[in-house]
Amino acid sequence: MEQGLIFPVAFLAAAFALFSGFGLGTILTPVFLLFYEPKVAIFLVAIVHLLNNLFKFSLFKKHIDLEVLKRFGILSIFGALIGAFGQMYLENQFLKRLVGLLLIFLGSKEIVPSKLEFRFPKAFDPIGGFLSGLVGGLIGNQGAIRTAFLLNYAISKETFIATGVVIACVIDFTRIPIYWVSYGSSLSHSWQMITLLVGVTFLGTLFGTVLLKRFSIEHFRKFVATVLILMGVYFLF
């Protein structure tokens, strides 16, 4: 399978992630797993994820809600540290299966009827921050947990995006140096592809900003959810 597949997927994932609050890492990770061993895949996706979130921060920084950020973001640092260090002691096959389970869960959650949706109490926000950091540090897919908690707040789309982006950057800044120590040598063979990929995700994000107030993504979310479930089953079994 050609590595060129990563670029159109990254473009669409970046646009989708702008709407949903998660998706870039979730969608890119299984694609990278087709070409890299799990720990290296998670590391490379983390770099793309961070740079894309810094770009989104530059677009939406004036909409950040500091109160929500304080309630949710602080413990995410500790979760990311524990997860990133813990990842070094896990077997690759276990990581791949863990990613598979998470993808199945995320996909299933998206297609559950809205009347059955579960919302977390706001008192659980610090726990949600910790879990988002922990899962982010462990396997990279932090966004869905963060989104589940941020949905409890009556905030605008722009504030939802901006606040989530800051939390994601905090987690990425925490976990990437730990990955770098163990897997940094993998960049020597992949930096050109990563540079191009970051540029593609920037274009995808800009495309998402154009569509932000003009396009309903409900059916697209269900389509992506189905793909995530199928990919999750593939990596799990």
C-alpha atoms as a PDB file:
ATOM      1  CA  MET A   1       0.000   0.000   0.000  1.00  0.00           C
ATOM      2  CA  GLU A   2       1.396   3.420  -1.011  1.00  0.00           C
ATOM      3  CA  GLN A   3       2.382   5.911   1.688  1.00  0.00           C
ATOM      4  CA  GLY A   4       0.768   8.580  -0.461  1.00  0.00           C
ATOM      5  CA  LEU A   5      -2.536   7.433   1.044  1.00  0.00           C
ATOM      6  CA  ILE A   6      -1.596   9.350   4.201  1.00  0.00           C
ATOM      7  CA  PHE A   7      -1.876  12.796   2.555  1.00  0.00           C
ATOM      8  CA  PRO A   8      -5.543  12.851   1.426  1.00  0.00           C
ATOM      9  CA  VAL A   9      -6.502  11.165   4.681  1.00  0.00           C
ATOM     10  CA  ALA A  10      -4.620  13.853   6.634  1.00  0.00           C
ATOM     11  CA  PHE A  11      -6.340  16.659   4.704  1.00  0.00           C
ATOM     12  CA  LEU A  12      -9.818  15.289   5.427  1.00  0.00           C
ATOM     13  CA  ALA A  13      -8.936  14.397   9.021  1.00  0.00           C
ATOM     14  CA  ALA A  14      -7.711  17.944   9.726  1.00  0.00           C
ATOM     15  CA  ALA A  15     -10.927  19.429   8.333  1.00  0.00           C
ATOM     16  CA  PHE A  16     -13.034  16.952  10.287  1.00  0.00           C
ATOM     17  CA  ALA A  17     -11.080  17.516  13.498  1.00  0.00           C
ATOM     18  CA  LEU A  18     -11.817  21.240  13.379  1.00  0.00           C
ATOM     19  CA  PHE A  19     -15.546  20.489  13.595  1.00  0.00           C
ATOM     20  CA  SER A  20     -15.530  17.586  16.014  1.00  0.00           C
ATOM     21  CA  GLY A  21     -12.795  18.537  18.479  1.00  0.00           C
ATOM     22  CA  PHE A  22     -10.999  15.289  17.715  1.00  0.00           C
ATOM     23  CA  GLY A  23     -10.108  13.198  14.728  1.00  0.00           C
ATOM     24  CA  LEU A  24      -6.673  14.104  13.381  1.00  0.00           C
ATOM     25  CA  GLY A  25      -4.741  11.745  15.667  1.00  0.00           C
ATOM     26  CA  THR A  26      -7.572   9.224  15.793  1.00  0.00           C
ATOM     27  CA  ILE A  27      -7.752   8.885  12.010  1.00  0.00           C
ATOM     28  CA  LEU A  28      -4.035   9.262  11.225  1.00  0.00           C
ATOM     29  CA  THR A  29      -2.822   6.737  13.804  1.00  0.00           C
ATOM     30  CA  PRO A  30      -4.376   3.648  12.166  1.00  0.00           C
ATOM     31  CA  VAL A  31      -3.107   4.802   8.749  1.00  0.00           C
ATOM     32  CA  PHE A  32       0.434   5.247  10.132  1.00  0.00           C
ATOM     33  CA  LEU A  33       0.163   1.797  11.697  1.00  0.00           C
ATOM     34  CA  LEU A  34       0.048   0.384   8.179  1.00  0.00           C
ATOM     35  CA  PHE A  35       3.624   1.635   7.604  1.00  0.00           C
ATOM     36  CA  TYR A  36       5.272   1.975  11.042  1.00  0.00           C
ATOM     37  CA  GLU A  37       5.462  -0.035  14.227  1.00  0.00           C
ATOM     38  CA  PRO A  38       2.966   1.282  16.827  1.00  0.00           C
ATOM     39  CA  LYS A  39       5.244   3.336  19.101  1.00  0.00           C
ATOM     40  CA  VAL A  40       6.922   5.128  16.180  1.00  0.00           C
ATOM     41  CA  ALA A  41       3.527   5.711  14.539  1.00  0.00           C
ATOM     42  CA  ILE A  42       2.206   7.335  17.715  1.00  0.00           C
ATOM     43  CA  PHE A  43       5.310   9.531  17.967  1.00  0.00           C
ATOM     44  CA  LEU A  44       5.145  10.731  14.345  1.00  0.00           C
ATOM     45  CA  VAL A  45       1.426  11.426  14.534  1.00  0.00           C
ATOM     46  CA  ALA A  46       2.030  13.371  17.774  1.00  0.00           C
ATOM     47  CA  ILE A  47       4.371  15.766  15.944  1.00  0.00           C
ATOM     48  CA  VAL A  48       1.826  16.390  13.185  1.00  0.00           C
ATOM     49  CA  HIS A  49      -0.917  16.727  15.804  1.00  0.00           C
ATOM     50  CA  LEU A  50       1.004  19.351  17.816  1.00  0.00           C
ATOM     51  CA  LEU A  51       1.973  21.508  14.838  1.00  0.00           C
ATOM     52  CA  ASN A  52      -1.562  21.432  13.459  1.00  0.00           C
ATOM     53  CA  ASN A  53      -2.971  22.420  16.857  1.00  0.00           C
ATOM     54  CA  LEU A  54      -0.519  25.319  17.104  1.00  0.00           C
ATOM     55  CA  PHE A  55      -1.817  26.476  13.722  1.00  0.00           C
ATOM     56  CA  LYS A  56      -5.422  26.212  14.962  1.00  0.00           C
ATOM     57  CA  PHE A  57      -4.417  28.123  18.098  1.00  0.00           C
ATOM     58  CA  SER A  58      -3.207  31.009  15.904  1.00  0.00           C
ATOM     59  CA  LEU A  59      -6.626  31.079  14.211  1.00  0.00           C
ATOM     60  CA  PHE A  60      -8.866  30.818  17.294  1.00  0.00           C
ATOM     61  CA  LYS A  61      -6.778  32.042  20.264  1.00  0.00           C
ATOM     62  CA  LYS A  62      -9.063  34.999  21.059  1.00  0.00           C
ATOM     63  CA  HIS A  63     -11.924  32.572  21.830  1.00  0.00           C
ATOM     64  CA  ILE A  64     -10.224  30.613  24.650  1.00  0.00           C
ATOM     65  CA  ASP A  65     -12.302  30.135  27.833  1.00  0.00           C
ATOM     66  CA  LEU A  66      -9.783  30.316  30.687  1.00  0.00           C
ATOM     67  CA  GLU A  67     -12.201  29.034  33.341  1.00  0.00           C
ATOM     68  CA  VAL A  68     -12.917  25.838  31.409  1.00  0.00           C
ATOM     69  CA  LEU A  69      -9.216  25.509  30.672  1.00  0.00           C
ATOM     70  CA  LYS A  70      -8.328  25.698  34.372  1.00  0.00           C
ATOM     71  CA  ARG A  71     -10.960  23.127  35.354  1.00  0.00           C
ATOM     72  CA  PHE A  72      -9.992  20.625  32.708  1.00  0.00           C
ATOM     73  CA  GLY A  73      -6.455  21.245  31.529  1.00  0.00           C
ATOM     74  CA  ILE A  74      -4.160  21.156  34.560  1.00  0.00           C
ATOM     75  CA  LEU A  75      -4.393  17.461  35.459  1.00  0.00           C
ATOM     76  CA  SER A  76      -3.974  16.529  31.795  1.00  0.00           C
ATOM     77  CA  ILE A  77      -0.235  17.258  32.212  1.00  0.00           C
ATOM     78  CA  PHE A  78       0.135  14.595  34.893  1.00  0.00           C
ATOM     79  CA  GLY A  79      -1.938  12.123  32.909  1.00  0.00           C
ATOM     80  CA  ALA A  80       0.214  12.699  29.803  1.00  0.00           C
ATOM     81  CA  LEU A  81       3.424  12.145  31.775  1.00  0.00           C
ATOM     82  CA  ILE A  82       2.195   8.865  33.234  1.00  0.00           C
ATOM     83  CA  GLY A  83       0.864   7.683  29.881  1.00  0.00           C
ATOM     84  CA  ALA A  84       3.993   8.587  27.902  1.00  0.00           C
ATOM     85  CA  PHE A  85       6.310   6.866  30.383  1.00  0.00           C
ATOM     86  CA  GLY A  86       3.971   3.889  30.633  1.00  0.00           C
ATOM     87  CA  GLN A  87       3.964   3.463  26.865  1.00  0.00           C
ATOM     88  CA  MET A  88       7.657   2.541  26.892  1.00  0.00           C
ATOM     89  CA  TYR A  89       6.882  -0.597  28.902  1.00  0.00           C
ATOM     90  CA  LEU A  90       4.010  -1.881  26.772  1.00  0.00           C
ATOM     91  CA  GLU A  91       4.338  -4.433  23.973  1.00  0.00           C
ATOM     92  CA  ASN A  92       3.632  -3.205  20.443  1.00  0.00           C
ATOM     93  CA  GLN A  93       0.928  -5.809  19.845  1.00  0.00           C
ATOM     94  CA  PHE A  94      -0.829  -4.749  23.030  1.00  0.00           C
ATOM     95  CA  LEU A  95      -0.685  -1.127  21.893  1.00  0.00           C
ATOM     96  CA  LYS A  96      -2.159  -2.021  18.512  1.00  0.00           C
ATOM     97  CA  ARG A  97      -5.037  -3.861  20.176  1.00  0.00           C
ATOM     98  CA  LEU A  98      -5.552  -0.977  22.566  1.00  0.00           C
ATOM     99  CA  VAL A  99      -5.806   1.400  19.615  1.00  0.00           C
ATOM    100  CA  GLY A 100      -8.289  -1.008  18.021  1.00  0.00           C
ATOM    101  CA  LEU A 101     -10.489  -1.073  21.133  1.00  0.00           C
ATOM    102  CA  LEU A 102     -10.407   2.716  21.372  1.00  0.00           C
ATOM    103  CA  LEU A 103     -11.374   3.144  17.716  1.00  0.00           C
ATOM    104  CA  ILE A 104     -14.314   0.777  18.126  1.00  0.00           C
ATOM    105  CA  PHE A 105     -15.450   2.698  21.207  1.00  0.00           C
ATOM    106  CA  LEU A 106     -15.120   6.094  19.516  1.00  0.00           C
ATOM    107  CA  GLY A 107     -16.902   4.956  16.401  1.00  0.00           C
ATOM    108  CA  SER A 108     -19.727   3.314  18.345  1.00  0.00           C
ATOM    109  CA  LYS A 109     -20.199   6.423  20.480  1.00  0.00           C
ATOM    110  CA  GLU A 110     -20.700   8.545  17.375  1.00  0.00           C
ATOM    111  CA  ILE A 111     -23.493   6.412  15.942  1.00  0.00           C
ATOM    112  CA  VAL A 112     -25.485   5.890  19.149  1.00  0.00           C
ATOM    113  CA  PRO A 113     -28.874   7.704  18.971  1.00  0.00           C
ATOM    114  CA  SER A 114     -28.675  11.167  20.546  1.00  0.00           C
ATOM    115  CA  LYS A 115     -31.277  10.336  23.203  1.00  0.00           C
ATOM    116  CA  LEU A 116     -28.941   7.628  24.539  1.00  0.00           C
ATOM    117  CA  GLU A 117     -25.882   9.876  24.701  1.00  0.00           C
ATOM    118  CA  PHE A 118     -24.094  10.018  28.036  1.00  0.00           C
ATOM    119  CA  ARG A 119     -22.769  13.304  29.394  1.00  0.00           C
ATOM    120  CA  PHE A 120     -20.255  13.498  32.227  1.00  0.00           C
ATOM    121  CA  PRO A 121     -21.064  15.674  35.292  1.00  0.00           C
ATOM    122  CA  LYS A 122     -18.980  18.865  35.432  1.00  0.00           C
ATOM    123  CA  ALA A 123     -17.608  17.800  38.824  1.00  0.00           C
ATOM    124  CA  PHE A 124     -15.695  15.109  36.909  1.00  0.00           C
ATOM    125  CA  ASP A 125     -13.809  17.655  34.761  1.00  0.00           C
ATOM    126  CA  PRO A 126     -10.427  17.196  36.526  1.00  0.00           C
ATOM    127  CA  ILE A 127     -10.771  13.410  36.110  1.00  0.00           C
ATOM    128  CA  GLY A 128     -11.582  13.947  32.450  1.00  0.00           C
ATOM    129  CA  GLY A 129      -8.460  16.070  32.064  1.00  0.00           C
ATOM    130  CA  PHE A 130      -6.333  13.389  33.664  1.00  0.00           C
ATOM    131  CA  LEU A 131      -7.831  10.613  31.514  1.00  0.00           C
ATOM    132  CA  SER A 132      -7.441  12.653  28.336  1.00  0.00           C
ATOM    133  CA  GLY A 133      -3.761  13.189  29.141  1.00  0.00           C
ATOM    134  CA  LEU A 134      -3.269   9.556  30.145  1.00  0.00           C
ATOM    135  CA  VAL A 135      -4.769   8.159  26.943  1.00  0.00           C
ATOM    136  CA  GLY A 136      -2.975  10.836  24.901  1.00  0.00           C
ATOM    137  CA  GLY A 137       0.370   9.914  26.406  1.00  0.00           C
ATOM    138  CA  LEU A 138      -0.272   6.201  26.084  1.00  0.00           C
ATOM    139  CA  ILE A 139      -1.626   5.856  22.545  1.00  0.00           C
ATOM    140  CA  GLY A 140      -2.164   9.387  21.265  1.00  0.00           C
ATOM    141  CA  ASN A 141      -5.958   9.418  20.915  1.00  0.00           C
ATOM    142  CA  GLN A 142      -6.822  12.022  23.519  1.00  0.00           C
ATOM    143  CA  GLY A 143      -9.415  14.160  21.753  1.00  0.00           C
ATOM    144  CA  ALA A 144     -12.601  12.138  22.127  1.00  0.00           C
ATOM    145  CA  ILE A 145     -12.369  12.060  25.921  1.00  0.00           C
ATOM    146  CA  ARG A 146     -11.743  15.809  26.001  1.00  0.00           C
ATOM    147  CA  THR A 147     -14.664  16.419  23.649  1.00  0.00           C
ATOM    148  CA  ALA A 148     -17.036  14.335  25.782  1.00  0.00           C
ATOM    149  CA  PHE A 149     -16.384  16.653  28.728  1.00  0.00           C
ATOM    150  CA  LEU A 150     -16.308  19.943  26.812  1.00  0.00           C
ATOM    151  CA  LEU A 151     -19.735  19.174  25.346  1.00  0.00           C
ATOM    152  CA  ASN A 152     -21.159  19.866  28.805  1.00  0.00           C
ATOM    153  CA  TYR A 153     -20.478  23.568  28.391  1.00  0.00           C
ATOM    154  CA  ALA A 154     -22.718  26.043  26.593  1.00  0.00           C
ATOM    155  CA  ILE A 155     -19.907  27.609  24.602  1.00  0.00           C
ATOM    156  CA  SER A 156     -19.597  28.683  20.986  1.00  0.00           C
ATOM    157  CA  LYS A 157     -18.019  26.525  18.301  1.00  0.00           C
ATOM    158  CA  GLU A 158     -15.026  28.840  18.256  1.00  0.00           C
ATOM    159  CA  THR A 159     -14.557  28.643  22.035  1.00  0.00           C
ATOM    160  CA  PHE A 160     -14.996  24.876  21.938  1.00  0.00           C
ATOM    161  CA  ILE A 161     -12.263  24.616  19.300  1.00  0.00           C
ATOM    162  CA  ALA A 162      -9.872  27.096  20.935  1.00  0.00           C
ATOM    163  CA  THR A 163     -10.126  25.658  24.459  1.00  0.00           C
ATOM    164  CA  GLY A 164      -9.755  22.082  23.225  1.00  0.00           C
ATOM    165  CA  VAL A 165      -6.728  23.056  21.137  1.00  0.00           C
ATOM    166  CA  VAL A 166      -4.903  24.540  24.149  1.00  0.00           C
ATOM    167  CA  ILE A 167      -5.516  21.391  26.218  1.00  0.00           C
ATOM    168  CA  ALA A 168      -4.306  19.243  23.305  1.00  0.00           C
ATOM    169  CA  CYS A 169      -1.133  21.337  22.972  1.00  0.00           C
ATOM    170  CA  VAL A 170      -0.407  20.987  26.693  1.00  0.00           C
ATOM    171  CA  ILE A 171      -0.671  17.199  26.399  1.00  0.00           C
ATOM    172  CA  ASP A 172       1.460  17.113  23.242  1.00  0.00           C
ATOM    173  CA  PHE A 173       4.182  19.320  24.732  1.00  0.00           C
ATOM    174  CA  THR A 174       4.290  16.940  27.693  1.00  0.00           C
ATOM    175  CA  ARG A 175       4.450  13.633  25.836  1.00  0.00           C
ATOM    176  CA  ILE A 176       6.547  14.396  22.746  1.00  0.00           C
ATOM    177  CA  PRO A 177       9.887  14.960  24.574  1.00  0.00           C
ATOM    178  CA  ILE A 178       9.449  11.568  26.261  1.00  0.00           C
ATOM    179  CA  TYR A 179       8.766   9.883  22.921  1.00  0.00           C
ATOM    180  CA  TRP A 180      11.724  11.739  21.388  1.00  0.00           C
ATOM    181  CA  VAL A 181      14.193  10.208  23.806  1.00  0.00           C
ATOM    182  CA  SER A 182      13.123   6.691  22.795  1.00  0.00           C
ATOM    183  CA  TYR A 183      12.094   7.019  19.132  1.00  0.00           C
ATOM    184  CA  GLY A 184      13.726  10.254  17.930  1.00  0.00           C
ATOM    185  CA  SER A 185      15.952   8.400  15.465  1.00  0.00           C
ATOM    186  CA  SER A 186      12.868   7.493  13.415  1.00  0.00           C
ATOM    187  CA  LEU A 187      12.601  11.138  12.326  1.00  0.00           C
ATOM    188  CA  SER A 188      15.802  10.887  10.277  1.00  0.00           C
ATOM    189  CA  HIS A 189      13.948   8.667   7.802  1.00  0.00           C
ATOM    190  CA  SER A 190      10.594  10.455   7.953  1.00  0.00           C
ATOM    191  CA  TRP A 191      11.141  14.211   8.352  1.00  0.00           C
ATOM    192  CA  GLN A 192      10.421  15.063   4.703  1.00  0.00           C
ATOM    193  CA  MET A 193       7.146  13.175   4.770  1.00  0.00           C
ATOM    194  CA  ILE A 194       6.226  14.747   8.124  1.00  0.00           C
ATOM    195  CA  THR A 195       6.962  18.259   6.808  1.00  0.00           C
ATOM    196  CA  LEU A 196       4.705  17.709   3.790  1.00  0.00           C
ATOM    197  CA  LEU A 197       2.060  16.156   5.990  1.00  0.00           C
ATOM    198  CA  VAL A 198       2.005  19.146   8.337  1.00  0.00           C
ATOM    199  CA  GLY A 199       1.460  21.429   5.334  1.00  0.00           C
ATOM    200  CA  VAL A 200      -1.407  19.239   4.142  1.00  0.00           C
ATOM    201  CA  THR A 201      -3.071  19.360   7.578  1.00  0.00           C
ATOM    202  CA  PHE A 202      -2.791  23.168   7.578  1.00  0.00           C
ATOM    203  CA  LEU A 203      -4.679  23.226   4.275  1.00  0.00           C
ATOM    204  CA  GLY A 204      -7.243  20.820   5.705  1.00  0.00           C
ATOM    205  CA  THR A 205      -7.737  23.073   8.732  1.00  0.00           C
ATOM    206  CA  LEU A 206      -8.219  26.133   6.509  1.00  0.00           C
ATOM    207  CA  PHE A 207     -10.739  24.168   4.474  1.00  0.00           C
ATOM    208  CA  GLY A 208     -12.526  23.291   7.720  1.00  0.00           C
ATOM    209  CA  THR A 209     -12.709  26.946   8.776  1.00  0.00           C
ATOM    210  CA  VAL A 210     -14.431  27.809   5.497  1.00  0.00           C
ATOM    211  CA  LEU A 211     -17.046  25.112   6.093  1.00  0.00           C
ATOM    212  CA  LEU A 212     -17.409  25.699   9.841  1.00  0.00           C
ATOM    213  CA  LYS A 213     -20.653  27.700   9.631  1.00  0.00           C
ATOM    214  CA  ARG A 214     -21.900  26.465   6.274  1.00  0.00           C
ATOM    215  CA  PHE A 215     -21.909  22.686   6.365  1.00  0.00           C
ATOM    216  CA  SER A 216     -23.579  20.030   8.495  1.00  0.00           C
ATOM    217  CA  ILE A 217     -21.184  17.204   9.252  1.00  0.00           C
ATOM    218  CA  GLU A 218     -23.667  14.820  10.905  1.00  0.00           C
ATOM    219  CA  HIS A 219     -23.660  12.295   8.050  1.00  0.00           C
ATOM    220  CA  PHE A 220     -19.929  12.682   7.570  1.00  0.00           C
ATOM    221  CA  ARG A 221     -19.367  11.946  11.278  1.00  0.00           C
ATOM    222  CA  LYS A 222     -21.369   8.730  10.949  1.00  0.00           C
ATOM    223  CA  PHE A 223     -19.375   7.717   7.891  1.00  0.00           C
ATOM    224  CA  VAL A 224     -16.078   8.335   9.698  1.00  0.00           C
ATOM    225  CA  ALA A 225     -17.420   6.468  12.744  1.00  0.00           C
ATOM    226  CA  THR A 226     -18.118   3.419  10.581  1.00  0.00           C
ATOM    227  CA  VAL A 227     -14.596   3.564   9.124  1.00  0.00           C
ATOM    228  CA  LEU A 228     -13.134   3.851  12.637  1.00  0.00           C
ATOM    229  CA  ILE A 229     -15.041   0.783  13.797  1.00  0.00           C
ATOM    230  CA  LEU A 230     -13.842  -1.251  10.799  1.00  0.00           C
ATOM    231  CA  MET A 231     -10.243  -0.123  11.319  1.00  0.00           C
ATOM    232  CA  GLY A 232     -10.547  -0.884  15.019  1.00  0.00           C
ATOM    233  CA  VAL A 233     -11.735  -4.425  14.314  1.00  0.00           C
ATOM    234  CA  TYR A 234      -8.852  -4.867  11.853  1.00  0.00           C
ATOM    235  CA  PHE A 235      -6.197  -3.847  14.378  1.00  0.00           C
ATOM    236  CA  LEU A 236      -7.852  -5.687  17.243  1.00  0.00           C
ATOM    237  CA  PHE A 237      -8.061  -9.059  15.489  1.00  0.00           C
END
